[in-house]
Structures are given as structure tokens and as C-alpha cells.
mmCIF file of all heavy atoms, coordinates in Angstrom:
data_MODEL
# 
_entry.id   MODEL 
# 
loop_
_atom_site.group_PDB 
_atom_site.id 
_atom_site.type_symbol 
_atom_site.label_atom_id 
_atom_site.label_alt_id 
_atom_site.label_comp_id 
_atom_site.label_asym_id 
_atom_site.label_entity_id 
_atom_site.label_seq_id 
_atom_site.pdbx_PDB_ins_code 
_atom_site.Cartn_x 
_atom_site.Cartn_y 
_atom_site.Cartn_z 
_atom_site.occupancy 
_atom_site.B_iso_or_equiv 
_atom_site.pdbx_formal_charge 
_atom_site.auth_seq_id 
_atom_site.auth_comp_id 
_atom_site.auth_asym_id 
_atom_site.auth_atom_id 
_atom_site.pdbx_PDB_model_num 
ATOM 1   N N   . PRO A 1 1  ? -16.082 19.858  -26.245 1.00 0.00 ? 1  PRO A N   1 
ATOM 2   C CA  . PRO A 1 1  ? -14.857 19.222  -25.737 1.00 0.00 ? 1  PRO A CA  1 
ATOM 3   C C   . PRO A 1 1  ? -13.995 18.695  -26.872 1.00 0.00 ? 1  PRO A C   1 
ATOM 4   O O   . PRO A 1 1  ? -14.491 18.266  -27.912 1.00 0.00 ? 1  PRO A O   1 
ATOM 5   C CB  . PRO A 1 1  ? -15.393 18.071  -24.867 1.00 0.00 ? 1  PRO A CB  1 
ATOM 6   C CG  . PRO A 1 1  ? -16.770 17.795  -25.398 1.00 0.00 ? 1  PRO A CG  1 
ATOM 7   C CD  . PRO A 1 1  ? -17.292 19.123  -25.883 1.00 0.00 ? 1  PRO A CD  1 
ATOM 8   N N   . ILE A 1 2  ? -12.678 18.766  -26.675 1.00 0.00 ? 2  ILE A N   1 
ATOM 9   C CA  . ILE A 1 2  ? -11.760 18.286  -27.697 1.00 0.00 ? 2  ILE A CA  1 
ATOM 10  C C   . ILE A 1 2  ? -11.934 16.783  -27.904 1.00 0.00 ? 2  ILE A C   1 
ATOM 11  O O   . ILE A 1 2  ? -11.916 16.287  -29.017 1.00 0.00 ? 2  ILE A O   1 
ATOM 12  C CB  . ILE A 1 2  ? -10.309 18.611  -27.280 1.00 0.00 ? 2  ILE A CB  1 
ATOM 13  C CG1 . ILE A 1 2  ? -10.130 20.136  -27.157 1.00 0.00 ? 2  ILE A CG1 1 
ATOM 14  C CG2 . ILE A 1 2  ? -9.310  18.047  -28.282 1.00 0.00 ? 2  ILE A CG2 1 
ATOM 15  C CD1 . ILE A 1 2  ? -8.766  20.553  -26.698 1.00 0.00 ? 2  ILE A CD1 1 
ATOM 16  N N   . VAL A 1 3  ? -12.144 16.069  -26.831 1.00 0.00 ? 3  VAL A N   1 
ATOM 17  C CA  . VAL A 1 3  ? -12.373 14.630  -26.897 1.00 0.00 ? 3  VAL A CA  1 
ATOM 18  C C   . VAL A 1 3  ? -13.686 14.333  -26.178 1.00 0.00 ? 3  VAL A C   1 
ATOM 19  O O   . VAL A 1 3  ? -13.882 14.770  -25.050 1.00 0.00 ? 3  VAL A O   1 
ATOM 20  C CB  . VAL A 1 3  ? -11.220 13.853  -26.233 1.00 0.00 ? 3  VAL A CB  1 
ATOM 21  C CG1 . VAL A 1 3  ? -11.491 12.363  -26.275 1.00 0.00 ? 3  VAL A CG1 1 
ATOM 22  C CG2 . VAL A 1 3  ? -9.907  14.160  -26.916 1.00 0.00 ? 3  VAL A CG2 1 
ATOM 23  N N   . LYS A 1 4  ? -14.584 13.631  -26.841 1.00 0.00 ? 4  LYS A N   1 
ATOM 24  C CA  . LYS A 1 4  ? -15.846 13.277  -26.203 1.00 0.00 ? 4  LYS A CA  1 
ATOM 25  C C   . LYS A 1 4  ? -15.586 12.303  -25.060 1.00 0.00 ? 4  LYS A C   1 
ATOM 26  O O   . LYS A 1 4  ? -14.837 11.337  -25.216 1.00 0.00 ? 4  LYS A O   1 
ATOM 27  C CB  . LYS A 1 4  ? -16.794 12.658  -27.223 1.00 0.00 ? 4  LYS A CB  1 
ATOM 28  C CG  . LYS A 1 4  ? -17.232 13.627  -28.317 1.00 0.00 ? 4  LYS A CG  1 
ATOM 29  C CD  . LYS A 1 4  ? -18.211 12.973  -29.264 1.00 0.00 ? 4  LYS A CD  1 
ATOM 30  C CE  . LYS A 1 4  ? -18.682 13.961  -30.335 1.00 0.00 ? 4  LYS A CE  1 
ATOM 31  N NZ  . LYS A 1 4  ? -19.643 13.331  -31.278 1.00 0.00 ? 4  LYS A NZ  1 
ATOM 32  N N   . PRO A 1 5  ? -16.197 12.544  -23.892 1.00 0.00 ? 5  PRO A N   1 
ATOM 33  C CA  . PRO A 1 5  ? -15.932 11.684  -22.728 1.00 0.00 ? 5  PRO A CA  1 
ATOM 34  C C   . PRO A 1 5  ? -16.241 10.220  -22.986 1.00 0.00 ? 5  PRO A C   1 
ATOM 35  O O   . PRO A 1 5  ? -15.470 9.345   -22.592 1.00 0.00 ? 5  PRO A O   1 
ATOM 36  C CB  . PRO A 1 5  ? -16.844 12.275  -21.645 1.00 0.00 ? 5  PRO A CB  1 
ATOM 37  C CG  . PRO A 1 5  ? -17.086 13.678  -22.073 1.00 0.00 ? 5  PRO A CG  1 
ATOM 38  C CD  . PRO A 1 5  ? -17.086 13.659  -23.574 1.00 0.00 ? 5  PRO A CD  1 
ATOM 39  N N   . GLU A 1 6  ? -17.367 9.937   -23.664 1.00 0.00 ? 6  GLU A N   1 
ATOM 40  C CA  . GLU A 1 6  ? -17.715 8.540   -23.870 1.00 0.00 ? 6  GLU A CA  1 
ATOM 41  C C   . GLU A 1 6  ? -16.719 7.832   -24.790 1.00 0.00 ? 6  GLU A C   1 
ATOM 42  O O   . GLU A 1 6  ? -16.393 6.657   -24.600 1.00 0.00 ? 6  GLU A O   1 
ATOM 43  C CB  . GLU A 1 6  ? -19.130 8.415   -24.443 1.00 0.00 ? 6  GLU A CB  1 
ATOM 44  C CG  . GLU A 1 6  ? -19.363 9.151   -25.771 1.00 0.00 ? 6  GLU A CG  1 
ATOM 45  C CD  . GLU A 1 6  ? -19.757 10.595  -25.593 1.00 0.00 ? 6  GLU A CD  1 
ATOM 46  O OE1 . GLU A 1 6  ? -19.675 11.069  -24.443 1.00 0.00 ? 6  GLU A OE1 1 
ATOM 47  O OE2 . GLU A 1 6  ? -20.156 11.231  -26.571 1.00 0.00 ? 6  GLU A OE2 1 
ATOM 48  N N   . VAL A 1 7  ? -16.184 8.575   -25.784 1.00 0.00 ? 7  VAL A N   1 
ATOM 49  C CA  . VAL A 1 7  ? -15.182 7.987   -26.671 1.00 0.00 ? 7  VAL A CA  1 
ATOM 50  C C   . VAL A 1 7  ? -13.878 7.760   -25.918 1.00 0.00 ? 7  VAL A C   1 
ATOM 51  O O   . VAL A 1 7  ? -13.218 6.720   -26.069 1.00 0.00 ? 7  VAL A O   1 
ATOM 52  C CB  . VAL A 1 7  ? -14.957 8.902   -27.887 1.00 0.00 ? 7  VAL A CB  1 
ATOM 53  C CG1 . VAL A 1 7  ? -13.848 8.341   -28.783 1.00 0.00 ? 7  VAL A CG1 1 
ATOM 54  C CG2 . VAL A 1 7  ? -16.248 9.050   -28.685 1.00 0.00 ? 7  VAL A CG2 1 
ATOM 55  N N   . ALA A 1 8  ? -13.498 8.728   -25.074 1.00 0.00 ? 8  ALA A N   1 
ATOM 56  C CA  . ALA A 1 8  ? -12.264 8.586   -24.307 1.00 0.00 ? 8  ALA A CA  1 
ATOM 57  C C   . ALA A 1 8  ? -12.325 7.385   -23.367 1.00 0.00 ? 8  ALA A C   1 
ATOM 58  O O   . ALA A 1 8  ? -11.360 6.627   -23.227 1.00 0.00 ? 8  ALA A O   1 
ATOM 59  C CB  . ALA A 1 8  ? -11.994 9.866   -23.512 1.00 0.00 ? 8  ALA A CB  1 
ATOM 60  N N   . ILE A 1 9  ? -13.467 7.203   -22.706 1.00 0.00 ? 9  ILE A N   1 
ATOM 61  C CA  . ILE A 1 9  ? -13.611 6.072   -21.785 1.00 0.00 ? 9  ILE A CA  1 
ATOM 62  C C   . ILE A 1 9  ? -13.535 4.750   -22.542 1.00 0.00 ? 9  ILE A C   1 
ATOM 63  O O   . ILE A 1 9  ? -12.911 3.780   -22.091 1.00 0.00 ? 9  ILE A O   1 
ATOM 64  C CB  . ILE A 1 9  ? -14.943 6.190   -21.020 1.00 0.00 ? 9  ILE A CB  1 
ATOM 65  C CG1 . ILE A 1 9  ? -14.889 7.401   -20.080 1.00 0.00 ? 9  ILE A CG1 1 
ATOM 66  C CG2 . ILE A 1 9  ? -15.231 4.928   -20.227 1.00 0.00 ? 9  ILE A CG2 1 
ATOM 67  C CD1 . ILE A 1 9  ? -16.177 7.650   -19.347 1.00 0.00 ? 9  ILE A CD1 1 
ATOM 68  N N   . LYS A 1 10 ? -14.166 4.707   -23.733 1.00 0.00 ? 10 LYS A N   1 
ATOM 69  C CA  . LYS A 1 10 ? -14.144 3.480   -24.517 1.00 0.00 ? 10 LYS A CA  1 
ATOM 70  C C   . LYS A 1 10 ? -12.725 3.124   -24.944 1.00 0.00 ? 10 LYS A C   1 
ATOM 71  O O   . LYS A 1 10 ? -12.285 1.965   -24.826 1.00 0.00 ? 10 LYS A O   1 
ATOM 72  C CB  . LYS A 1 10 ? -15.047 3.639   -25.737 1.00 0.00 ? 10 LYS A CB  1 
ATOM 73  C CG  . LYS A 1 10 ? -15.163 2.375   -26.578 1.00 0.00 ? 10 LYS A CG  1 
ATOM 74  C CD  . LYS A 1 10 ? -16.124 2.580   -27.737 1.00 0.00 ? 10 LYS A CD  1 
ATOM 75  C CE  . LYS A 1 10 ? -16.253 1.314   -28.574 1.00 0.00 ? 10 LYS A CE  1 
ATOM 76  N NZ  . LYS A 1 10 ? -17.171 1.507   -29.711 1.00 0.00 ? 10 LYS A NZ  1 
ATOM 77  N N   . VAL A 1 11 ? -11.974 4.118   -25.418 1.00 0.00 ? 11 VAL A N   1 
ATOM 78  C CA  . VAL A 1 11 ? -10.594 3.879   -25.846 1.00 0.00 ? 11 VAL A CA  1 
ATOM 79  C C   . VAL A 1 11 ? -9.735  3.476   -24.646 1.00 0.00 ? 11 VAL A C   1 
ATOM 80  O O   . VAL A 1 11 ? -8.913  2.551   -24.729 1.00 0.00 ? 11 VAL A O   1 
ATOM 81  C CB  . VAL A 1 11 ? -10.025 5.141   -26.516 1.00 0.00 ? 11 VAL A CB  1 
ATOM 82  C CG1 . VAL A 1 11 ? -8.535  4.979   -26.801 1.00 0.00 ? 11 VAL A CG1 1 
ATOM 83  C CG2 . VAL A 1 11 ? -10.772 5.425   -27.814 1.00 0.00 ? 11 VAL A CG2 1 
ATOM 84  N N   . PHE A 1 12 ? -9.939  4.143   -23.515 1.00 0.00 ? 12 PHE A N   1 
ATOM 85  C CA  . PHE A 1 12 ? -9.168  3.813   -22.319 1.00 0.00 ? 12 PHE A CA  1 
ATOM 86  C C   . PHE A 1 12 ? -9.419  2.381   -21.879 1.00 0.00 ? 12 PHE A C   1 
ATOM 87  O O   . PHE A 1 12 ? -8.484  1.652   -21.513 1.00 0.00 ? 12 PHE A O   1 
ATOM 88  C CB  . PHE A 1 12 ? -9.536  4.789   -21.199 1.00 0.00 ? 12 PHE A CB  1 
ATOM 89  C CG  . PHE A 1 12 ? -8.841  4.510   -19.901 1.00 0.00 ? 12 PHE A CG  1 
ATOM 90  C CD1 . PHE A 1 12 ? -7.518  4.885   -19.699 1.00 0.00 ? 12 PHE A CD1 1 
ATOM 91  C CD2 . PHE A 1 12 ? -9.497  3.865   -18.875 1.00 0.00 ? 12 PHE A CD2 1 
ATOM 92  C CE1 . PHE A 1 12 ? -6.878  4.618   -18.511 1.00 0.00 ? 12 PHE A CE1 1 
ATOM 93  C CE2 . PHE A 1 12 ? -8.867  3.602   -17.680 1.00 0.00 ? 12 PHE A CE2 1 
ATOM 94  C CZ  . PHE A 1 12 ? -7.552  3.983   -17.500 1.00 0.00 ? 12 PHE A CZ  1 
ATOM 95  N N   . ASN A 1 13 ? -10.673 1.953   -21.905 1.00 0.00 ? 13 ASN A N   1 
ATOM 96  C CA  . ASN A 1 13 ? -10.993 0.586   -21.489 1.00 0.00 ? 13 ASN A CA  1 
ATOM 97  C C   . ASN A 1 13 ? -10.375 -0.447  -22.425 1.00 0.00 ? 13 ASN A C   1 
ATOM 98  O O   . ASN A 1 13 ? -9.872  -1.485  -21.990 1.00 0.00 ? 13 ASN A O   1 
ATOM 99  C CB  . ASN A 1 13 ? -12.514 0.401   -21.432 1.00 0.00 ? 13 ASN A CB  1 
ATOM 100 C CG  . ASN A 1 13 ? -13.145 1.197   -20.306 1.00 0.00 ? 13 ASN A CG  1 
ATOM 101 O OD1 . ASN A 1 13 ? -12.488 1.508   -19.320 1.00 0.00 ? 13 ASN A OD1 1 
ATOM 102 N ND2 . ASN A 1 13 ? -14.410 1.530   -20.442 1.00 0.00 ? 13 ASN A ND2 1 
ATOM 103 N N   . VAL A 1 14 ? -10.423 -0.156  -23.732 1.00 0.00 ? 14 VAL A N   1 
ATOM 104 C CA  . VAL A 1 14 ? -9.850  -1.097  -24.702 1.00 0.00 ? 14 VAL A CA  1 
ATOM 105 C C   . VAL A 1 14 ? -8.337  -1.208  -24.524 1.00 0.00 ? 14 VAL A C   1 
ATOM 106 O O   . VAL A 1 14 ? -7.761  -2.305  -24.524 1.00 0.00 ? 14 VAL A O   1 
ATOM 107 C CB  . VAL A 1 14 ? -10.204 -0.658  -26.136 1.00 0.00 ? 14 VAL A CB  1 
ATOM 108 C CG1 . VAL A 1 14 ? -9.454  -1.511  -27.147 1.00 0.00 ? 14 VAL A CG1 1 
ATOM 109 C CG2 . VAL A 1 14 ? -11.702 -0.770  -26.374 1.00 0.00 ? 14 VAL A CG2 1 
ATOM 110 N N   . LEU A 1 15 ? -7.664  -0.049  -24.356 1.00 0.00 ? 15 LEU A N   1 
ATOM 111 C CA  . LEU A 1 15 ? -6.216  -0.070  -24.171 1.00 0.00 ? 15 LEU A CA  1 
ATOM 112 C C   . LEU A 1 15 ? -5.839  -0.788  -22.874 1.00 0.00 ? 15 LEU A C   1 
ATOM 113 O O   . LEU A 1 15 ? -4.871  -1.561  -22.836 1.00 0.00 ? 15 LEU A O   1 
ATOM 114 C CB  . LEU A 1 15 ? -5.675  1.359   -24.149 1.00 0.00 ? 15 LEU A CB  1 
ATOM 115 C CG  . LEU A 1 15 ? -5.670  2.098   -25.481 1.00 0.00 ? 15 LEU A CG  1 
ATOM 116 C CD1 . LEU A 1 15 ? -5.215  3.528   -25.289 1.00 0.00 ? 15 LEU A CD1 1 
ATOM 117 C CD2 . LEU A 1 15 ? -4.778  1.402   -26.494 1.00 0.00 ? 15 LEU A CD2 1 
ATOM 118 N N   . THR A 1 16 ? -6.590  -0.518  -21.820 1.00 0.00 ? 16 THR A N   1 
ATOM 119 C CA  . THR A 1 16 ? -6.310  -1.183  -20.549 1.00 0.00 ? 16 THR A CA  1 
ATOM 120 C C   . THR A 1 16 ? -6.453  -2.689  -20.670 1.00 0.00 ? 16 THR A C   1 
ATOM 121 O O   . THR A 1 16 ? -5.628  -3.456  -20.169 1.00 0.00 ? 16 THR A O   1 
ATOM 122 C CB  . THR A 1 16 ? -7.263  -0.657  -19.462 1.00 0.00 ? 16 THR A CB  1 
ATOM 123 O OG1 . THR A 1 16 ? -7.120  0.760   -19.365 1.00 0.00 ? 16 THR A OG1 1 
ATOM 124 C CG2 . THR A 1 16 ? -6.939  -1.293  -18.114 1.00 0.00 ? 16 THR A CG2 1 
ATOM 125 N N   . GLN A 1 17 ? -7.497  -3.126  -21.358 1.00 0.00 ? 17 GLN A N   1 
ATOM 126 C CA  . GLN A 1 17 ? -7.717  -4.560  -21.532 1.00 0.00 ? 17 GLN A CA  1 
ATOM 127 C C   . GLN A 1 17 ? -6.601  -5.191  -22.353 1.00 0.00 ? 17 GLN A C   1 
ATOM 128 O O   . GLN A 1 17 ? -6.093  -6.268  -22.028 1.00 0.00 ? 17 GLN A O   1 
ATOM 129 C CB  . GLN A 1 17 ? -9.077  -4.790  -22.211 1.00 0.00 ? 17 GLN A CB  1 
ATOM 130 C CG  . GLN A 1 17 ? -9.399  -6.254  -22.479 1.00 0.00 ? 17 GLN A CG  1 
ATOM 131 C CD  . GLN A 1 17 ? -9.597  -7.040  -21.204 1.00 0.00 ? 17 GLN A CD  1 
ATOM 132 O OE1 . GLN A 1 17 ? -9.892  -6.449  -20.177 1.00 0.00 ? 17 GLN A OE1 1 
ATOM 133 N NE2 . GLN A 1 17 ? -9.425  -8.338  -21.255 1.00 0.00 ? 17 GLN A NE2 1 
ATOM 134 N N   . ASN A 1 18 ? -6.177  -4.495  -23.431 1.00 0.00 ? 18 ASN A N   1 
ATOM 135 C CA  . ASN A 1 18 ? -5.129  -5.042  -24.281 1.00 0.00 ? 18 ASN A CA  1 
ATOM 136 C C   . ASN A 1 18 ? -3.790  -5.123  -23.553 1.00 0.00 ? 18 ASN A C   1 
ATOM 137 O O   . ASN A 1 18 ? -3.054  -6.117  -23.655 1.00 0.00 ? 18 ASN A O   1 
ATOM 138 C CB  . ASN A 1 18 ? -4.986  -4.197  -25.547 1.00 0.00 ? 18 ASN A CB  1 
ATOM 139 C CG  . ASN A 1 18 ? -6.193  -4.334  -26.458 1.00 0.00 ? 18 ASN A CG  1 
ATOM 140 O OD1 . ASN A 1 18 ? -6.956  -5.299  -26.354 1.00 0.00 ? 18 ASN A OD1 1 
ATOM 141 N ND2 . ASN A 1 18 ? -6.395  -3.372  -27.335 1.00 0.00 ? 18 ASN A ND2 1 
ATOM 142 N N   . ILE A 1 19 ? -3.458  -4.058  -22.809 1.00 0.00 ? 19 ILE A N   1 
ATOM 143 C CA  . ILE A 1 19 ? -2.174  -4.035  -22.112 1.00 0.00 ? 19 ILE A CA  1 
ATOM 144 C C   . ILE A 1 19 ? -2.131  -5.104  -21.030 1.00 0.00 ? 19 ILE A C   1 
ATOM 145 O O   . ILE A 1 19 ? -1.156  -5.842  -20.891 1.00 0.00 ? 19 ILE A O   1 
ATOM 146 C CB  . ILE A 1 19 ? -1.919  -2.643  -21.505 1.00 0.00 ? 19 ILE A CB  1 
ATOM 147 C CG1 . ILE A 1 19 ? -1.733  -1.609  -22.634 1.00 0.00 ? 19 ILE A CG1 1 
ATOM 148 C CG2 . ILE A 1 19 ? -0.691  -2.657  -20.599 1.00 0.00 ? 19 ILE A CG2 1 
ATOM 149 C CD1 . ILE A 1 19 ? -1.656  -0.187  -22.140 1.00 0.00 ? 19 ILE A CD1 1 
ATOM 150 N N   . SER A 1 20 ? -3.201  -5.185  -20.250 1.00 0.00 ? 20 SER A N   1 
ATOM 151 C CA  . SER A 1 20 ? -3.215  -6.171  -19.175 1.00 0.00 ? 20 SER A CA  1 
ATOM 152 C C   . SER A 1 20 ? -3.223  -7.592  -19.718 1.00 0.00 ? 20 SER A C   1 
ATOM 153 O O   . SER A 1 20 ? -2.583  -8.490  -19.173 1.00 0.00 ? 20 SER A O   1 
ATOM 154 C CB  . SER A 1 20 ? -4.434  -5.948  -18.273 1.00 0.00 ? 20 SER A CB  1 
ATOM 155 O OG  . SER A 1 20 ? -5.632  -6.099  -19.025 1.00 0.00 ? 20 SER A OG  1 
ATOM 156 N N   . SER A 1 21 ? -3.935  -7.804  -20.821 1.00 0.00 ? 21 SER A N   1 
ATOM 157 C CA  . SER A 1 21 ? -4.007  -9.161  -21.372 1.00 0.00 ? 21 SER A CA  1 
ATOM 158 C C   . SER A 1 21 ? -2.674  -9.583  -21.983 1.00 0.00 ? 21 SER A C   1 
ATOM 159 O O   . SER A 1 21 ? -2.297  -10.747 -21.912 1.00 0.00 ? 21 SER A O   1 
ATOM 160 C CB  . SER A 1 21 ? -5.120  -9.236  -22.424 1.00 0.00 ? 21 SER A CB  1 
ATOM 161 O OG  . SER A 1 21 ? -4.835  -8.363  -23.508 1.00 0.00 ? 21 SER A OG  1 
ATOM 162 N N   . SER A 1 22 ? -1.952  -8.641  -22.572 1.00 0.00 ? 22 SER A N   1 
ATOM 163 C CA  . SER A 1 22 ? -0.690  -8.994  -23.217 1.00 0.00 ? 22 SER A CA  1 
ATOM 164 C C   . SER A 1 22 ? 0.406   -9.296  -22.208 1.00 0.00 ? 22 SER A C   1 
ATOM 165 O O   . SER A 1 22 ? 1.358   -10.004 -22.515 1.00 0.00 ? 22 SER A O   1 
ATOM 166 C CB  . SER A 1 22 ? -0.227  -7.856  -24.132 1.00 0.00 ? 22 SER A CB  1 
ATOM 167 O OG  . SER A 1 22 ? -0.009  -6.679  -23.366 1.00 0.00 ? 22 SER A OG  1 
ATOM 168 N N   . LYS A 1 23 ? 0.282   -8.782  -20.972 1.00 0.00 ? 23 LYS A N   1 
ATOM 169 C CA  . LYS A 1 23 ? 1.348   -8.970  -19.988 1.00 0.00 ? 23 LYS A CA  1 
ATOM 170 C C   . LYS A 1 23 ? 1.048   -10.064 -18.977 1.00 0.00 ? 23 LYS A C   1 
ATOM 171 O O   . LYS A 1 23 ? 1.930   -10.813 -18.576 1.00 0.00 ? 23 LYS A O   1 
ATOM 172 C CB  . LYS A 1 23 ? 1.599   -7.654  -19.228 1.00 0.00 ? 23 LYS A CB  1 
ATOM 173 C CG  . LYS A 1 23 ? 2.356   -6.631  -20.050 1.00 0.00 ? 23 LYS A CG  1 
ATOM 174 C CD  . LYS A 1 23 ? 2.742   -5.452  -19.171 1.00 0.00 ? 23 LYS A CD  1 
ATOM 175 C CE  . LYS A 1 23 ? 3.580   -4.456  -19.956 1.00 0.00 ? 23 LYS A CE  1 
ATOM 176 N NZ  . LYS A 1 23 ? 4.003   -3.319  -19.120 1.00 0.00 ? 23 LYS A NZ  1 
ATOM 177 N N   . TYR A 1 24 ? -0.218  -10.149 -18.551 1.00 0.00 ? 24 TYR A N   1 
ATOM 178 C CA  . TYR A 1 24 ? -0.480  -10.983 -17.398 1.00 0.00 ? 24 TYR A CA  1 
ATOM 179 C C   . TYR A 1 24 ? -1.493  -12.092 -17.609 1.00 0.00 ? 24 TYR A C   1 
ATOM 180 O O   . TYR A 1 24 ? -1.703  -12.901 -16.724 1.00 0.00 ? 24 TYR A O   1 
ATOM 181 C CB  . TYR A 1 24 ? -0.975  -10.119 -16.224 1.00 0.00 ? 24 TYR A CB  1 
ATOM 182 C CG  . TYR A 1 24 ? -0.009  -9.048  -15.833 1.00 0.00 ? 24 TYR A CG  1 
ATOM 183 C CD1 . TYR A 1 24 ? -0.289  -7.722  -16.082 1.00 0.00 ? 24 TYR A CD1 1 
ATOM 184 C CD2 . TYR A 1 24 ? 1.191   -9.362  -15.209 1.00 0.00 ? 24 TYR A CD2 1 
ATOM 185 C CE1 . TYR A 1 24 ? 0.604   -6.724  -15.724 1.00 0.00 ? 24 TYR A CE1 1 
ATOM 186 C CE2 . TYR A 1 24 ? 2.089   -8.381  -14.849 1.00 0.00 ? 24 TYR A CE2 1 
ATOM 187 C CZ  . TYR A 1 24 ? 1.788   -7.064  -15.102 1.00 0.00 ? 24 TYR A CZ  1 
ATOM 188 O OH  . TYR A 1 24 ? 2.669   -6.096  -14.747 1.00 0.00 ? 24 TYR A OH  1 
# 
């Protein structure tokens, strides 16, 4: 795979946490 699933999930969770924390 071009992107490993476990790495993609980790990055997605970190970005989601950062975006939500910065706004709300």
C-alpha cells in the first residue's frame, strides 16, 4: 500500500484532535 493503514489512522487522529482543539 502507498500509505500504511496504521500510519494513516494515527495521522488522521492527531489532525482531528488538533483541529477540534484549536476551534472548540
